[in-house]
Protein backbone atom coordinates (compact mmCIF):
# COMPACT_ATOMS: atom_id res chain seq x y z
CA MET A 1 0.07 -0.18 0.11
CA PRO A 2 1.56 3.53 -0.83
CA PRO A 3 2.59 5.82 1.83
CA LYS A 4 0.48 8.69 2.76
CA ARG A 5 1.56 12.03 1.27
CA THR A 6 2.66 13.53 4.44
CA GLU A 7 3.88 10.53 5.61
CA ASP A 8 6.24 10.09 2.27
CA TYR A 9 10.12 9.91 2.56
CA GLY A 10 10.59 12.95 1.05
CA TRP A 11 9.34 15.05 3.81
CA GLN A 12 12.29 13.82 5.97
CA HIS A 13 14.29 15.92 3.37
CA GLY A 14 11.43 19.11 3.33
CA GLN A 15 8.46 21.00 4.71
CA MET A 16 5.12 21.84 3.16
CA VAL A 17 4.74 25.31 2.51
CA ASP A 18 1.82 26.95 4.43
CA GLY A 19 0.42 23.52 5.12
CA ASN A 20 -0.35 22.91 0.95
CA ARG A 21 1.42 19.64 0.09
CA PHE A 22 2.08 20.70 -3.60
CA HIS A 23 4.28 23.60 -2.40
CA TRP A 24 7.48 22.59 -0.92
CA LYS A 25 10.70 23.79 0.83
CA CYS A 26 14.27 22.11 0.78
CA ASN A 27 15.74 21.53 4.16
CA TYR A 28 19.42 21.85 2.81
CA CYS A 29 19.43 24.86 0.21
CA ASN A 30 16.27 26.19 1.35
CA MET A 31 15.00 26.48 -1.96
CA VAL A 32 11.06 26.44 -2.50
CA GLY A 33 8.65 24.88 -5.34
CA MET A 34 5.41 26.35 -5.89
CA GLY A 35 4.28 22.98 -7.59
CA GLY A 36 5.02 19.14 -7.75
CA GLY A 37 4.38 18.17 -4.36
CA VAL A 38 6.94 15.97 -2.41
CA THR A 39 7.98 13.68 -5.91
CA ARG A 40 9.00 17.25 -7.27
CA LEU A 41 11.26 17.73 -3.88
CA LYS A 42 12.68 14.11 -4.35
CA LYS A 43 13.59 15.48 -7.85
CA HIS A 44 15.20 18.03 -6.84
CA ILE A 45 17.19 16.35 -4.35
CA ALA A 46 18.09 13.25 -6.33
CA GLY A 47 18.82 15.63 -9.54
CA GLY A 48 18.81 14.70 -13.11
CA PHE A 49 15.61 16.20 -13.95
CA SER A 50 14.61 18.54 -16.66
CA GLU A 51 11.56 19.76 -14.68
CA VAL A 52 13.42 20.85 -11.34
CA SER A 53 17.24 22.35 -10.78
CA LYS A 54 19.66 19.99 -8.68
CA CYS A 55 20.09 20.95 -4.72
CA PRO A 56 23.88 21.97 -4.76
CA LYS A 57 24.15 21.26 -1.02
CA VAL A 58 22.36 17.94 -0.38
CA PRO A 59 24.94 14.95 0.68
CA GLN A 60 25.86 12.34 -1.38
CA GLU A 61 24.60 9.70 0.52
CA ILE A 62 21.41 11.05 0.73
CA ARG A 63 21.43 12.11 -3.13
CA HIS A 64 21.97 8.36 -3.72
CA ALA A 65 19.24 6.98 -1.60
CA MET A 66 16.80 9.55 -3.02
CA LYS A 67 17.82 7.90 -6.36
CA ILE A 68 17.09 4.95 -5.16
CA GLU A 69 13.45 5.98 -3.89
CA LEU A 70 12.69 7.26 -7.09
CA GLU A 71 13.38 4.23 -8.99
CA SER A 72 11.44 1.88 -6.56
CA SER A 73 8.67 4.43 -6.69
CA LYS A 74 8.51 3.90 -10.59
CA ILE A 75 8.63 0.46 -10.56
CA ALA A 76 5.65 0.21 -7.84
CA LYS A 77 3.52 2.65 -9.54
CA LYS A 78 3.89 0.60 -13.05
CA LYS A 79 2.96 -2.49 -11.38
CA ALA A 80 0.02 -0.67 -9.53
CA ARG A 81 -1.07 0.19 -13.26
CA ASP A 82 -0.55 -2.86 -14.69
CA ASP A 83 -2.49 -4.77 -12.08
CA ARG A 84 -5.17 -2.05 -12.18
CA ASP A 85 -5.53 -2.45 -16.17
CA GLU A 86 -5.61 -5.85 -15.94
CA LEU A 87 -8.31 -5.71 -13.18
CA ASP A 88 -10.30 -3.56 -15.23
CA LYS A 89 -9.85 -5.74 -18.21
CA ARG A 90 -11.11 -8.95 -16.28
CA ALA A 91 -13.74 -6.61 -14.61
CA GLY A 92 -15.25 -5.78 -18.30
CA GLU A 93 -15.08 -9.36 -19.71
CA TYR A 94 -18.17 -11.84 -19.32
CA PRO A 95 -17.39 -14.74 -16.93
CA PRO A 96 -15.62 -17.52 -19.19
CA THR A 97 -17.57 -20.35 -19.34
CA ASP A 98 -16.52 -24.01 -21.06
CA PRO A 99 -19.28 -25.34 -23.51
CA TYR A 100 -17.24 -28.82 -23.17
CA GLU A 101 -17.50 -29.08 -19.50
CA GLY A 102 -18.78 -32.52 -18.62
CA LEU A 103 -17.10 -34.32 -21.62
CA GLY A 104 -14.26 -35.32 -20.14
CA ASP A 105 -10.63 -34.24 -20.52
CA GLU A 106 -9.67 -35.54 -24.02
CA LEU A 107 -11.94 -34.40 -26.64
CA ASP A 108 -11.79 -35.60 -30.26
CA PRO A 109 -10.52 -32.57 -32.91
CA ASP A 110 -12.77 -32.84 -35.12
CA ILE A 111 -15.75 -33.33 -32.81
CA ARG A 112 -14.74 -29.90 -31.16
CA ALA A 113 -14.46 -28.51 -34.30
CA ALA A 114 -17.80 -29.56 -35.83
CA MET A 115 -19.52 -28.31 -32.25
CA GLU A 116 -17.68 -25.05 -32.42
CA ALA A 117 -19.30 -24.72 -36.04
CA SER A 118 -22.78 -26.01 -35.02
CA ALA A 119 -22.94 -23.22 -32.57
CA GLN A 120 -21.54 -20.51 -34.91
CA GLU A 121 -24.41 -21.71 -37.27
CA ARG A 122 -26.95 -21.42 -34.54
CA TRP A 123 -25.75 -18.17 -33.48
CA GLN A 124 -26.48 -16.60 -37.10
CA GLN A 125 -29.41 -18.42 -37.44
CA ASN A 126 -30.92 -17.00 -34.22
CA GLU A 127 -29.88 -13.47 -35.11
CA VAL A 128 -31.78 -13.87 -38.43
CA GLN A 129 -34.65 -14.73 -36.76
CA ARG A 130 -34.24 -11.84 -34.37
CA HIS A 131 -33.85 -9.36 -37.55
CA ARG A 132 -36.76 -10.87 -39.56
CA ALA A 133 -39.00 -10.71 -36.30
CA GLN A 134 -37.95 -6.88 -35.86
CA PHE A 135 -37.91 -5.75 -39.36
CA GLY A 136 -39.91 -8.30 -41.60
CA ARG A 137 -38.78 -10.56 -44.30
CA SER A 138 -36.20 -9.65 -47.16
CA GLN A 139 -37.25 -9.49 -50.78
CA PHE A 140 -34.49 -11.74 -50.95
CA ASP A 141 -35.84 -14.56 -48.75
CA ALA A 142 -37.79 -17.18 -50.17
CA GLY A 143 -41.38 -16.43 -49.89
CA GLY A 144 -40.66 -12.89 -49.45
CA GLY A 145 -40.89 -11.05 -53.12
CA SER A 146 -44.73 -10.24 -54.37
CA GLY A 147 -46.65 -13.24 -55.84
CA SER A 148 -44.84 -16.25 -53.97
CA GLY A 149 -46.16 -17.87 -51.36
CA SER A 150 -44.65 -17.44 -47.38
CA ALA A 151 -42.40 -20.22 -45.54
CA SER A 152 -43.86 -20.79 -42.01
CA SER A 153 -40.65 -20.55 -40.04
CA GLY A 154 -36.91 -21.24 -40.60
CA LEU A 155 -34.29 -20.65 -43.38
CA ALA A 156 -36.10 -20.99 -46.42
CA ARG A 157 -33.98 -21.39 -49.05
CA SER A 158 -34.09 -19.48 -53.03
CA GLY A 159 -32.45 -19.29 -55.94
CA SER A 160 -30.39 -22.64 -57.41
CA VAL A 161 -30.94 -24.62 -54.09
CA SER A 162 -34.83 -24.30 -54.55
CA ARG A 163 -34.31 -25.28 -58.39
CA MET A 164 -33.05 -29.04 -56.61
CA PHE A 165 -36.26 -29.17 -55.09
CA ASP A 166 -38.70 -29.55 -57.87
CA ARG A 167 -41.31 -31.59 -56.03
CA PHE A 168 -41.86 -28.45 -53.98
CA LYS A 169 -42.79 -26.38 -57.07
CA LYS A 170 -45.94 -28.09 -57.95
CA GLY A 171 -48.59 -29.65 -56.25
CA PRO A 172 -50.36 -32.85 -56.95
CA LYS A 173 -52.62 -31.12 -59.68
CA GLY A 174 -50.19 -29.10 -61.08
CA LYS A 175 -50.60 -26.21 -58.84
CA SER A 176 -47.53 -24.11 -57.64
CA GLY A 177 -46.33 -24.80 -54.16
CA ARG A 178 -44.10 -22.90 -51.58
CA HIS A 179 -40.50 -22.83 -51.89
CA PRO A 180 -38.70 -25.53 -50.07
CA ASN A 181 -37.86 -24.77 -46.18
CA ILE A 182 -34.92 -26.41 -44.26
CA ILE A 183 -37.00 -27.42 -41.55
CA ASP A 184 -38.60 -29.69 -44.22
CA ILE A 185 -35.22 -31.38 -45.04
CA ASP A 186 -33.86 -31.41 -41.24
CA PRO A 187 -36.73 -30.72 -38.69
CA MET A 188 -33.90 -30.48 -35.73
CA ALA A 189 -32.62 -27.26 -37.59
CA PHE A 190 -33.71 -24.89 -35.35
CA PRO A 191 -33.93 -25.14 -31.42
CA ASP A 192 -36.92 -24.81 -29.58
CA PRO A 193 -38.10 -20.90 -29.37
CA ASP A 194 -38.22 -20.95 -25.55
CA ALA A 195 -34.34 -22.17 -25.74
CA GLN A 196 -33.37 -19.17 -28.05
CA GLN A 197 -30.87 -16.38 -26.71
CA GLN A 198 -32.87 -13.54 -24.70
CA ARG A 199 -33.19 -10.38 -26.28
CA ILE A 200 -30.64 -7.64 -24.80
CA ASP A 201 -32.96 -5.71 -22.89
CA SER A 202 -34.29 -8.57 -21.07
CA MET A 203 -30.96 -9.54 -20.11
CA LEU A 204 -30.27 -5.97 -18.86
CA LYS A 205 -33.40 -6.38 -16.80
CA LYS A 206 -32.41 -9.89 -15.25
CA ASP A 207 -28.82 -11.46 -15.63
CA LYS A 208 -26.99 -8.14 -16.06
CA LYS A 209 -28.48 -6.53 -12.92
CA GLY A 210 -27.64 -9.62 -11.09
CA LYS A 211 -23.91 -9.37 -12.06
CA ILE A 212 -24.01 -5.58 -11.42
CA GLY A 213 -25.29 -6.11 -8.21
CA ARG A 214 -22.98 -9.08 -7.22
CA ALA A 215 -20.07 -6.21 -7.74
CA ILE A 216 -21.48 -3.79 -6.29
CA ALA A 217 -22.52 -5.86 -3.21
CA LYS A 218 -18.76 -7.22 -3.01
CA PHE A 219 -17.78 -3.76 -3.22
CA PHE A 220 -19.44 -2.77 -0.18
CA HIS A 221 -18.99 -5.35 1.89
CA PHE A 222 -14.80 -5.98 1.36
CA SER A 223 -14.99 -2.14 2.31
CA HIS A 224 -17.01 -2.11 5.34
CA ILE A 225 -19.65 -0.05 3.86
CA PRO A 226 -22.65 0.11 5.64
CA SER A 227 -25.67 -1.20 3.25
CA ASN A 228 -28.04 1.98 3.54
CA ALA A 229 -25.36 4.06 1.98
CA ALA A 230 -27.18 2.68 -1.24
CA SER A 231 -30.33 4.44 -0.17
CA THR A 232 -28.35 7.55 -0.33
CA PRO A 233 -28.95 10.24 -3.52
CA TYR A 234 -25.23 10.45 -4.34
CA TYR A 235 -25.33 6.62 -4.95
CA ARG A 236 -28.17 6.93 -7.54
CA SER A 237 -26.42 9.60 -9.22
CA MET A 238 -23.18 7.82 -9.28
CA ILE A 239 -24.81 4.44 -10.63
CA ALA A 240 -26.62 6.82 -13.31
CA THR A 241 -23.32 8.80 -14.53
CA ILE A 242 -21.50 5.30 -14.93
CA GLN A 243 -24.17 4.14 -17.05
CA LYS A 244 -24.69 7.74 -19.08
CA GLU A 245 -20.96 7.63 -19.67
CA GLY A 246 -20.71 4.19 -20.80
CA PRO A 247 -17.94 1.44 -20.95
CA GLY A 248 -14.02 2.44 -21.48
CA VAL A 249 -13.92 5.28 -18.54
CA GLU A 250 -11.31 4.51 -16.18
CA PRO A 251 -12.29 4.57 -12.89
CA PRO A 252 -10.96 7.37 -10.43
CA THR A 253 -7.82 6.24 -8.47
CA PRO A 254 -7.21 6.67 -4.55
CA TYR A 255 -5.14 9.44 -5.34
CA GLU A 256 -7.43 11.25 -7.20
CA ILE A 257 -10.75 10.78 -5.17
CA SER A 258 -8.35 12.32 -2.07
CA GLY A 259 -6.89 15.10 -4.20
CA LYS A 260 -8.21 16.95 -7.17
CA TYR A 261 -11.98 15.41 -6.51
CA LEU A 262 -11.83 16.01 -3.08
CA ASP A 263 -10.57 19.61 -3.62
CA ALA A 264 -13.66 20.08 -6.28
CA GLU A 265 -16.07 19.17 -3.27
CA VAL A 266 -14.53 21.48 -0.87
CA ASN A 267 -15.10 24.51 -3.62
CA ASP A 268 -18.31 23.19 -3.80
CA ILE A 269 -19.13 23.25 -0.31
CA HIS A 270 -17.07 26.63 -0.03
CA ALA A 271 -19.37 28.21 -2.84
CA TRP A 272 -22.51 27.03 -0.89
CA VAL A 273 -21.65 28.49 2.04
CA LYS A 274 -20.62 32.03 0.38
CA THR A 275 -24.37 31.99 -0.84
CA PHE A 276 -25.60 31.02 2.75
CA LYS A 277 -23.68 33.93 4.18
CA GLN A 278 -26.08 36.21 2.07
CA GLN A 279 -29.00 35.30 4.06
CA TRP A 280 -27.42 36.12 7.38
CA GLU A 281 -28.28 39.74 7.58
CA MET A 282 -31.50 39.09 6.48
CA TYR A 283 -32.83 36.52 8.92
CA GLY A 284 -30.03 36.63 11.47
CA VAL A 285 -27.88 33.90 12.52
CA THR A 286 -27.66 31.67 16.17
CA LEU A 287 -24.18 30.76 17.17
CA MET A 288 -24.04 27.60 18.70
CA CYS A 289 -20.83 26.77 20.72
CA ASP A 290 -20.31 22.97 22.22
CA SER A 291 -17.04 21.64 24.12
CA TRP A 292 -16.48 18.11 24.40
CA THR A 293 -13.28 16.63 26.36
CA GLY A 294 -12.46 12.85 25.44
CA PRO A 295 -11.63 10.20 27.36
CA THR A 296 -7.55 11.25 26.65
CA LYS A 297 -8.60 14.60 28.09
CA MET A 298 -8.67 15.82 24.83
CA SER A 299 -10.54 19.12 24.49
CA ILE A 300 -11.76 20.50 21.37
CA ILE A 301 -14.78 23.82 21.03
CA SER A 302 -16.64 23.82 18.02
CA PHE A 303 -18.81 26.36 16.89
CA LEU A 304 -21.60 26.05 14.17
CA ILE A 305 -24.00 28.29 12.72
CA TYR A 306 -27.58 28.13 12.36
CA CYS A 307 -29.59 30.44 9.79
CA ASN A 308 -33.34 29.81 7.63
CA GLY A 309 -33.49 26.27 8.94
CA ARG A 310 -30.00 25.01 7.93
CA VAL A 311 -26.81 24.83 9.90
CA VAL A 312 -23.30 24.77 8.98
CA PHE A 313 -20.03 24.49 10.61
CA HIS A 314 -17.70 27.07 11.30
CA LYS A 315 -14.72 26.05 12.96
CA SER A 316 -13.34 24.14 16.15
CA ILE A 317 -10.77 24.80 18.68
CA ASP A 318 -8.22 22.51 20.17
CA ALA A 319 -8.58 23.37 23.78
CA THR A 320 -6.29 20.94 25.15
CA GLY A 321 -4.21 21.89 28.19
CA ARG A 322 -6.63 25.09 28.27
CA PHE A 323 -8.35 26.21 31.45
CA GLU A 324 -11.51 26.85 29.94
CA ASP A 325 -12.85 29.43 32.90
CA ALA A 326 -15.12 32.36 31.60
CA ASP A 327 -12.41 34.92 30.20
CA TYR A 328 -11.25 31.88 27.94
CA ILE A 329 -14.74 31.31 26.65
CA TYR A 330 -15.55 34.54 26.30
CA ALA A 331 -12.70 35.73 24.34
CA LEU A 332 -13.43 33.03 21.85
CA LEU A 333 -16.96 33.73 21.43
CA GLU A 334 -15.47 37.67 20.64
CA GLN A 335 -12.98 36.34 17.49
CA VAL A 336 -16.02 34.38 16.32
CA LEU A 337 -18.17 37.26 16.24
CA GLY A 338 -15.76 38.95 14.53
CA GLU A 339 -15.20 36.17 11.83
CA ILE A 340 -19.07 36.11 11.46
CA GLY A 341 -20.02 39.36 11.61
CA GLU A 342 -21.35 40.93 14.97
CA LYS A 343 -24.57 42.57 13.01
CA CYS A 344 -25.70 39.14 11.94
CA VAL A 345 -25.70 37.29 15.41
CA VAL A 346 -28.85 37.66 17.57
CA GLN A 347 -28.43 34.26 19.89
CA VAL A 348 -25.71 32.43 21.12
CA VAL A 349 -26.47 29.00 22.43
CA SER A 350 -24.27 27.04 24.79
CA ASP A 351 -24.11 24.45 27.27
CA ASN A 352 -25.10 25.09 30.74
CA GLY A 353 -21.94 24.97 31.99
CA ALA A 354 -21.27 27.83 35.03
CA ASN A 355 -17.72 29.30 32.38
CA PHE A 356 -20.02 29.56 29.53
CA LYS A 357 -22.98 30.73 31.75
CA LYS A 358 -20.76 33.74 32.57
CA ALA A 359 -18.96 34.23 29.28
CA GLY A 360 -22.78 34.23 27.95
CA LYS A 361 -23.77 37.66 30.51
CA LEU A 362 -20.75 39.14 29.64
CA LEU A 363 -20.97 39.01 25.74
CA MET A 364 -24.72 40.37 26.47
CA GLN A 365 -23.20 42.83 28.48
CA ARG A 366 -21.08 43.91 25.42
CA HIS A 367 -23.59 43.34 22.80
CA PRO A 368 -26.82 44.41 23.89
CA HIS A 369 -28.92 43.24 20.65
CA LEU A 370 -28.23 39.76 21.03
CA PHE A 371 -29.23 37.07 23.89
CA TRP A 372 -27.32 34.19 25.18
CA THR A 373 -29.52 31.05 26.08
CA PRO A 374 -28.43 27.66 27.49
CA CYS A 375 -29.02 24.59 25.37
CA ALA A 376 -32.00 22.85 26.26
CA ALA A 377 -30.58 19.10 25.78
CA HIS A 378 -27.75 19.77 27.98
CA CYS A 379 -30.28 21.02 30.58
CA ILE A 380 -32.29 17.89 30.24
CA ASN A 381 -29.14 15.97 30.43
CA LEU A 382 -28.20 17.86 33.91
CA MET A 383 -32.24 17.57 35.12
CA MET A 384 -31.96 13.64 34.37
CA ALA A 385 -28.54 13.21 36.09
CA ASP A 386 -30.27 14.73 39.45
CA PHE A 387 -33.26 12.64 39.33
CA GLY A 388 -30.31 9.55 38.98
CA ASP A 389 -29.25 10.81 42.51
CA ILE A 390 -32.60 10.31 44.07
CA ASN A 391 -32.26 7.36 46.76
CA ARG A 392 -35.72 6.03 45.14
CA VAL A 393 -34.50 6.07 41.70
CA LYS A 394 -30.86 4.52 42.41
CA LYS A 395 -33.01 1.36 43.30
CA LEU A 396 -35.07 0.79 40.36
């Protein structure tokens, strides 16, 4: 499994610029690269690449080790690409079947050739029958032209072949009869109509749906994805897009999903939040503040914004190791008010702790137009905890 981008060996010899993994800085010559990420950094250290200059200060042993790293990475990527191509090729093929299964390990070559020729001829016959059923008989078929009789079924012969069977052309009293039909010669020439191949549209609804269902279910089960994820609208949208684009399109790689496609989703969210902000001054917003402390004593304070029936996450603060008194909470609330816009906030909701309660009162004194409200859910939790401390309730 390839290493995570932030854990790549190359980052031991460089660092990200402003937290952007595509921008880097060399630890040896302090060169800053504004693109290419850790791969460009490793090429800079190894030297010998046209897209980036060679680091003049890196030790030779590090340069040699980086060249080995790049070569190993190239080989691993080629193997992964070949494996993916093979997997895509196998996934796009129908499951292999053996028409001679059960006939023994040894099969006479003449018998096998005859069976293959018979199967090919049967397929052609079925295709002709299907075409006639959909578009009608051709004028070149026996019985298809004007003034001629009709063949009941099968492949009717015409031309020189029909002349070989003059007994079919005249009836007992000299009346013209029908042209010969292959079924008159060999009644077993055609299989039972019920045994013929299904139409493509019916197969899509039956066999192909089963194959697609098995493939999707295997992905869900192997990846530990809950089955109810298939009820989300994005699942339907994904399937519809795949069907629309058709076969031959390569699926996205894990790097693309966590890279450019994730960035595209982030940009969409930012665009949506930007349109959402336009409603803040019209309807006013409620700032919701919630603190959480885990079993490892890690403390997080989250801020959410409610407006016009919608909630959006604003940011989280790592308060681990900080003394969360009223002054600290008040300072955080003032900071968030400045980020959102003081005039837009009409209410602040937080838990009912003494520190939050005091910070809320300080906030109302500083900003008379807004109100602090304790969280109703937290109040109910505290009430139920008090009920649980009653002796009569403890015994239940």
